[in-house]
């Protein structure tokens, strides 16, 4: 009888309370936090829960001597800006740490500029320094496809990719790499870099938010800053979002945050310029419809709908 067979036989009658293991890991706390932080994204949250379940079961298997080798945990997050990729990466790092797959559970977020140098001999030290900081945690590379610029013969991105590939293979028990960016560009990047594709085990696509979800996100953001919409203000923001989603460079939750910053600016100006001498707490925390409707998004929409009278007599 082989040693492996003996181990299997000796552990067949051993029972593990998986629910107790789950409770002990405190993973549910992280998943609940993710639910509070991010509106919608049900497919993404489902994948994160599935991954957490896989890691938990793998940990239990190791305890019983049923290890199948270190799982490949490198990931790719695809989707438009502002869809929660960085937030999910943060929580994923926390889950990995609580289950013992990384030592520290911190997240190091970088772009091409943090990894690639401007001259010969500059890229390797930059990339290795970033990797050193990320060891024991998660390295999040946003817009990873910019690492590869084949049209530029003097570009040093390929050197950074080669170092990353070696690290992802040789240090996968101490570092998890998450690549992120637009789906179509990441597909092209993987096509040109099959070595990188082979090292990514988990691909998660982040869908765009719908208008109602974006309004809900706005309300959560305001609540965290001790602000709120009036009923008319919320209705106006809903109209704003539907118009803004049709314009260029819309970035989901990121655009919502920028819109709220401008609305707060208008609210402050309205209060400062108003005739009301004494302000209540309600006055100070409430964004009214006029704070939203003054956006140029509404002005541009109006001008787009006006008939062109230049050539008419």
Protein backbone atom coordinates (compact mmCIF):
# COMPACT_ATOMS: atom_id res chain seq x y z
CA UNK A 1 0.00 0.00 0.00
CA UNK A 2 1.43 3.38 -1.02
CA UNK A 3 1.95 6.21 1.47
CA UNK A 4 -0.71 8.29 -0.28
CA UNK A 5 -3.20 5.42 -0.07
CA UNK A 6 -2.45 4.97 3.65
CA UNK A 7 -3.07 8.70 4.23
CA UNK A 8 -6.37 8.51 2.39
CA UNK A 9 -7.43 5.44 4.38
CA UNK A 10 -6.46 6.96 7.72
CA UNK A 11 -8.46 10.12 7.06
CA UNK A 12 -11.58 8.58 5.56
CA UNK A 13 -13.36 8.51 8.92
CA UNK A 14 -12.15 11.96 9.98
CA UNK A 15 -14.93 14.53 9.93
CA UNK A 16 -14.56 18.29 9.50
CA UNK A 17 -17.22 20.82 10.47
CA UNK A 18 -17.03 23.06 7.40
CA UNK A 19 -19.44 25.60 8.87
CA UNK A 20 -17.24 25.93 11.95
CA UNK A 21 -14.20 26.41 9.69
CA UNK A 22 -16.09 29.09 7.79
CA UNK A 23 -17.07 30.91 10.98
CA UNK A 24 -13.54 30.71 12.35
CA UNK A 25 -12.09 32.24 9.19
CA UNK A 26 -14.33 35.35 9.49
CA UNK A 27 -14.71 35.37 5.70
CA UNK A 28 -18.39 36.25 6.03
CA UNK A 29 -17.37 39.55 7.59
CA UNK A 30 -15.40 40.41 4.45
CA UNK A 31 -18.22 39.30 2.14
CA UNK A 32 -20.71 41.40 4.14
CA UNK A 33 -18.37 44.36 3.86
CA UNK A 34 -18.25 43.86 0.09
CA UNK A 35 -22.06 43.84 -0.04
CA UNK A 36 -22.20 47.12 1.87
CA UNK A 37 -19.50 48.78 -0.21
CA UNK A 38 -20.71 47.77 -3.65
CA UNK A 39 -24.21 48.08 -5.07
CA UNK A 40 -25.28 45.31 -7.47
CA UNK A 41 -22.45 43.38 -9.18
CA UNK A 42 -24.17 40.10 -8.31
CA UNK A 43 -22.12 38.00 -10.81
CA UNK A 44 -18.87 39.42 -9.40
CA UNK A 45 -19.87 38.81 -5.79
CA UNK A 46 -20.92 35.26 -6.69
CA UNK A 47 -17.49 34.57 -8.20
CA UNK A 48 -15.76 35.96 -5.11
CA UNK A 49 -17.89 33.74 -2.85
CA UNK A 50 -17.11 30.72 -5.04
CA UNK A 51 -13.40 31.48 -4.89
CA UNK A 52 -13.57 31.88 -1.11
CA UNK A 53 -15.36 28.52 -0.85
CA UNK A 54 -12.70 26.86 -3.01
CA UNK A 55 -9.91 28.24 -0.84
CA UNK A 56 -11.65 27.21 2.37
CA UNK A 57 -12.16 23.64 1.14
CA UNK A 58 -8.57 23.53 -0.09
CA UNK A 59 -7.38 24.55 3.37
CA UNK A 60 -9.44 21.77 4.97
CA UNK A 61 -8.07 19.24 2.45
CA UNK A 62 -4.51 20.24 3.37
CA UNK A 63 -5.28 19.61 7.02
CA UNK A 64 -6.30 16.05 6.12
CA UNK A 65 -3.24 15.49 3.98
CA UNK A 66 -5.18 15.80 0.73
CA UNK A 67 -3.21 18.67 -0.73
CA UNK A 68 -3.28 18.92 -4.51
CA UNK A 69 -0.50 21.49 -4.64
CA UNK A 70 -0.66 25.26 -4.28
CA UNK A 71 -3.66 26.57 -6.24
CA UNK A 72 -3.05 29.22 -8.87
CA UNK A 73 -4.71 32.36 -7.56
CA UNK A 74 -3.62 35.00 -10.08
CA UNK A 75 -6.63 36.82 -11.50
CA UNK A 76 -7.83 39.14 -14.24
CA UNK A 77 -10.57 41.72 -13.61
CA UNK A 78 -12.10 43.19 -16.77
CA UNK A 79 -14.60 46.01 -17.10
CA UNK A 80 -15.02 49.74 -17.59
CA UNK A 81 -13.67 52.31 -15.10
CA UNK A 82 -15.60 52.82 -11.88
CA UNK A 83 -17.12 49.32 -11.69
CA UNK A 84 -15.50 48.35 -8.38
CA UNK A 85 -12.41 46.42 -9.51
CA UNK A 86 -10.04 47.99 -6.98
CA UNK A 87 -12.52 47.58 -4.11
CA UNK A 88 -13.00 43.89 -4.93
CA UNK A 89 -9.22 43.45 -5.13
CA UNK A 90 -8.89 44.92 -1.62
CA UNK A 91 -11.46 42.49 -0.23
CA UNK A 92 -9.92 39.57 -2.13
CA UNK A 93 -6.58 40.37 -0.47
CA UNK A 94 -8.34 40.29 2.90
CA UNK A 95 -9.95 36.91 2.15
CA UNK A 96 -6.63 35.43 1.02
CA UNK A 97 -4.97 36.64 4.21
CA UNK A 98 -7.68 35.29 6.53
CA UNK A 99 -7.40 31.88 4.89
CA UNK A 100 -3.61 31.88 5.13
CA UNK A 101 -2.80 32.10 1.42
CA UNK A 102 -0.84 35.35 1.79
CA UNK A 103 1.14 36.47 4.83
CA UNK A 104 0.00 40.08 5.20
CA UNK A 105 -3.04 40.69 3.00
CA UNK A 106 -2.09 44.18 1.83
CA UNK A 107 -2.79 45.51 -1.66
CA UNK A 108 -0.22 47.31 -3.80
CA UNK A 109 -1.91 49.08 -6.71
CA UNK A 110 0.26 50.14 -9.66
CA UNK A 111 0.20 51.12 -13.33
CA UNK A 112 2.76 50.87 -16.12
CA UNK A 113 4.61 53.99 -14.90
CA UNK A 114 5.39 52.26 -11.59
CA UNK A 115 6.92 49.23 -13.33
CA UNK A 116 8.57 50.37 -16.57
CA UNK A 117 11.63 52.60 -16.78
CA UNK A 118 12.55 55.23 -19.33
CA UNK A 119 16.00 53.95 -20.22
CA UNK A 120 18.11 50.78 -20.35
CA UNK A 121 18.67 49.24 -16.93
CA UNK A 122 15.86 51.18 -15.25
CA UNK A 123 12.93 48.75 -15.65
CA UNK A 124 14.24 45.73 -13.74
CA UNK A 125 14.95 47.65 -10.48
CA UNK A 126 11.56 49.41 -10.67
CA UNK A 127 9.62 46.19 -11.25
CA UNK A 128 11.53 44.27 -8.57
CA UNK A 129 11.01 47.05 -6.03
CA UNK A 130 7.23 46.98 -6.63
CA UNK A 131 7.20 43.18 -6.33
CA UNK A 132 9.18 43.42 -3.08
CA UNK A 133 6.55 45.79 -1.63
CA UNK A 134 3.73 43.48 -2.73
CA UNK A 135 5.22 40.23 -1.39
CA UNK A 136 2.95 38.62 1.15
CA UNK A 137 -0.06 40.32 -0.38
CA UNK A 138 -1.71 41.22 -3.68
CA UNK A 139 -0.22 43.17 -6.59
CA UNK A 140 -2.96 44.96 -8.56
CA UNK A 141 -1.84 46.16 -12.01
CA UNK A 142 -4.40 48.52 -13.54
CA UNK A 143 -4.57 48.85 -17.33
CA UNK A 144 -2.01 46.04 -17.56
CA UNK A 145 -2.10 46.01 -21.38
CA UNK A 146 -0.02 49.21 -21.42
CA UNK A 147 2.93 47.09 -20.32
CA UNK A 148 3.10 45.72 -23.86
CA UNK A 149 3.83 48.15 -26.69
CA UNK A 150 5.13 46.13 -29.64
CA UNK A 151 4.95 49.13 -31.97
CA UNK A 152 7.74 50.79 -29.98
CA UNK A 153 11.05 48.94 -30.43
CA UNK A 154 12.66 50.96 -27.64
CA UNK A 155 9.96 50.20 -25.10
CA UNK A 156 10.98 48.30 -21.96
CA UNK A 157 7.59 46.89 -20.98
CA UNK A 158 8.49 43.40 -22.19
CA UNK A 159 11.29 43.27 -19.62
CA UNK A 160 8.81 44.03 -16.84
CA UNK A 161 6.43 41.35 -18.13
CA UNK A 162 9.21 38.76 -18.11
CA UNK A 163 10.08 39.54 -14.47
CA UNK A 164 6.41 39.40 -13.50
CA UNK A 165 5.99 36.02 -15.21
CA UNK A 166 8.92 34.53 -13.31
CA UNK A 167 7.63 35.89 -10.01
CA UNK A 168 4.06 34.69 -10.64
CA UNK A 169 5.38 31.18 -11.24
CA UNK A 170 8.10 30.94 -8.60
CA UNK A 171 6.45 32.90 -5.77
CA UNK A 172 2.80 32.01 -6.18
CA UNK A 173 2.61 30.88 -2.55
CA UNK A 174 3.58 34.37 -1.39
CA UNK A 175 2.12 36.74 -3.99
CA UNK A 176 -1.14 37.01 -5.92
CA UNK A 177 -1.20 39.20 -9.05
CA UNK A 178 -4.43 40.75 -10.32
CA UNK A 179 -4.40 42.31 -13.79
CA UNK A 180 -7.17 44.78 -14.62
CA UNK A 181 -8.46 46.76 -17.59
CA UNK A 182 -10.91 46.94 -20.47
CA UNK A 183 -11.96 43.48 -21.64
CA UNK A 184 -11.14 43.90 -25.34
CA UNK A 185 -7.68 45.30 -24.61
CA UNK A 186 -6.93 42.58 -22.04
CA UNK A 187 -7.94 39.94 -24.61
CA UNK A 188 -5.42 41.41 -27.08
CA UNK A 189 -2.78 41.56 -24.35
CA UNK A 190 -3.24 37.87 -23.51
CA UNK A 191 -3.20 36.95 -27.20
CA UNK A 192 0.20 38.65 -27.53
CA UNK A 193 1.46 37.26 -24.22
CA UNK A 194 0.37 33.60 -23.93
CA UNK A 195 2.73 33.08 -21.00
CA UNK A 196 0.73 35.58 -18.99
CA UNK A 197 -2.58 34.05 -20.04
CA UNK A 198 -1.45 30.61 -18.84
CA UNK A 199 -0.72 31.96 -15.37
CA UNK A 200 -4.14 33.58 -14.86
CA UNK A 201 -6.57 31.09 -13.32
CA UNK A 202 -9.54 33.34 -12.56
CA UNK A 203 -11.18 35.77 -15.00
CA UNK A 204 -13.92 38.00 -13.58
CA UNK A 205 -15.88 40.45 -15.74
CA UNK A 206 -17.34 43.56 -14.07
CA UNK A 207 -20.56 44.80 -15.75
CA UNK A 208 -21.53 48.46 -16.01
CA UNK A 209 -24.00 49.79 -13.46
CA UNK A 210 -27.58 50.67 -14.40
CA UNK A 211 -29.03 54.14 -13.67
CA UNK A 212 -30.93 53.04 -10.54
CA UNK A 213 -27.80 51.37 -9.19
CA UNK A 214 -25.79 54.55 -9.79
CA UNK A 215 -28.35 56.62 -7.87
CA UNK A 216 -28.09 54.09 -5.01
CA UNK A 217 -24.28 54.42 -5.15
CA UNK A 218 -24.62 58.21 -4.99
CA UNK A 219 -26.81 57.96 -1.89
CA UNK A 220 -24.25 55.71 -0.19
CA UNK A 221 -21.44 58.11 -1.04
CA UNK A 222 -23.41 61.05 0.34
CA UNK A 223 -24.30 59.16 3.51
CA UNK A 224 -20.61 58.46 4.15
CA UNK A 225 -19.97 62.23 3.91
CA UNK A 226 -22.99 63.28 6.03
CA UNK A 227 -24.99 64.55 3.07
CA UNK A 228 -28.28 63.51 1.51
CA UNK A 229 -30.59 64.36 -1.39
CA UNK A 230 -33.92 66.05 -0.96
CA UNK A 231 -36.71 64.19 -2.77
CA UNK A 232 -36.46 66.63 -5.67
CA UNK A 233 -32.66 66.44 -5.56
CA UNK A 234 -32.71 62.65 -5.89
CA UNK A 235 -35.10 62.88 -8.84
CA UNK A 236 -32.86 65.45 -10.51
CA UNK A 237 -29.80 63.28 -9.98
CA UNK A 238 -31.60 60.35 -11.60
CA UNK A 239 -32.19 62.53 -14.67
CA UNK A 240 -28.57 63.67 -14.57
CA UNK A 241 -27.27 60.09 -14.52
CA UNK A 242 -29.39 59.02 -17.49
CA UNK A 243 -28.02 61.92 -19.53
CA UNK A 244 -24.44 61.50 -18.32
CA UNK A 245 -24.41 57.80 -19.23
CA UNK A 246 -24.91 58.78 -22.88
CA UNK A 247 -21.96 61.18 -22.97
CA UNK A 248 -18.28 60.48 -23.55
CA UNK A 249 -15.85 59.28 -20.89
CA UNK A 250 -18.56 58.05 -18.54
CA UNK A 251 -16.89 56.07 -15.74
CA UNK A 252 -19.69 54.58 -13.63
CA UNK A 253 -19.14 55.17 -9.88
CA UNK A 254 -16.14 57.39 -10.59
CA UNK A 255 -18.34 59.77 -12.59
CA UNK A 256 -20.92 59.69 -9.79
CA UNK A 257 -18.28 60.76 -7.27
CA UNK A 258 -17.16 63.63 -9.48
CA UNK A 259 -20.75 64.76 -10.01
CA UNK A 260 -21.40 64.80 -6.27
CA UNK A 261 -18.24 66.83 -5.65
CA UNK A 262 -19.51 69.48 -8.08
CA UNK A 263 -23.01 69.38 -6.55
CA UNK A 264 -21.54 70.00 -3.11
CA UNK A 265 -19.66 72.96 -4.53
CA UNK A 266 -22.89 74.42 -5.93
CA UNK A 267 -24.70 73.76 -2.65
CA UNK A 268 -22.02 75.61 -0.69
CA UNK A 269 -22.20 78.54 -3.10
CA UNK A 270 -26.01 78.57 -2.88
CA UNK A 271 -25.92 78.66 0.91
CA UNK A 272 -23.19 81.31 0.98
CA UNK A 273 -24.94 83.55 -1.54
CA UNK A 274 -28.44 83.08 -0.14
CA UNK A 275 -30.41 85.51 1.97
CA UNK A 276 -30.99 83.02 4.79
CA UNK A 277 -28.85 84.16 7.72
CA UNK A 278 -29.31 81.17 10.00
CA UNK A 279 -28.71 77.70 8.63
CA UNK A 280 -30.02 74.47 10.10
CA UNK A 281 -28.31 71.10 10.05
CA UNK A 282 -30.80 70.06 7.35
CA UNK A 283 -29.73 73.01 5.21
CA UNK A 284 -26.09 72.01 5.53
CA UNK A 285 -26.49 68.34 4.64
CA UNK A 286 -29.13 68.51 1.88
CA UNK A 287 -28.44 68.66 -1.86
CA UNK A 288 -31.39 70.23 -3.63
CA UNK A 289 -32.53 69.85 -7.24
CA UNK A 290 -30.97 73.19 -8.19
CA UNK A 291 -27.56 71.91 -7.08
CA UNK A 292 -27.90 69.13 -9.66
CA UNK A 293 -29.78 70.86 -12.48
CA UNK A 294 -27.08 73.55 -12.84
CA UNK A 295 -24.78 70.91 -14.35
CA UNK A 296 -23.64 71.54 -17.90
CA UNK A 297 -24.90 68.04 -18.74
CA UNK A 298 -28.42 69.49 -18.80
CA UNK A 299 -27.31 72.50 -20.83
CA UNK A 300 -25.59 70.29 -23.40
CA UNK A 301 -28.67 68.08 -23.60
CA UNK A 302 -30.87 71.12 -24.24
CA UNK A 303 -28.58 72.44 -26.96
CA UNK A 304 -28.45 69.01 -28.60
CA UNK A 305 -32.23 68.95 -28.82
CA UNK A 306 -32.57 72.46 -30.25
CA UNK A 307 -33.24 72.63 -34.02
CA UNK A 308 -30.46 74.03 -36.18
CA UNK A 309 -31.76 77.39 -37.38
CA UNK A 310 -28.52 78.73 -38.89
CA UNK A 311 -29.44 77.91 -42.47
CA UNK A 312 -33.10 78.83 -42.13
CA UNK A 313 -34.41 82.22 -43.20
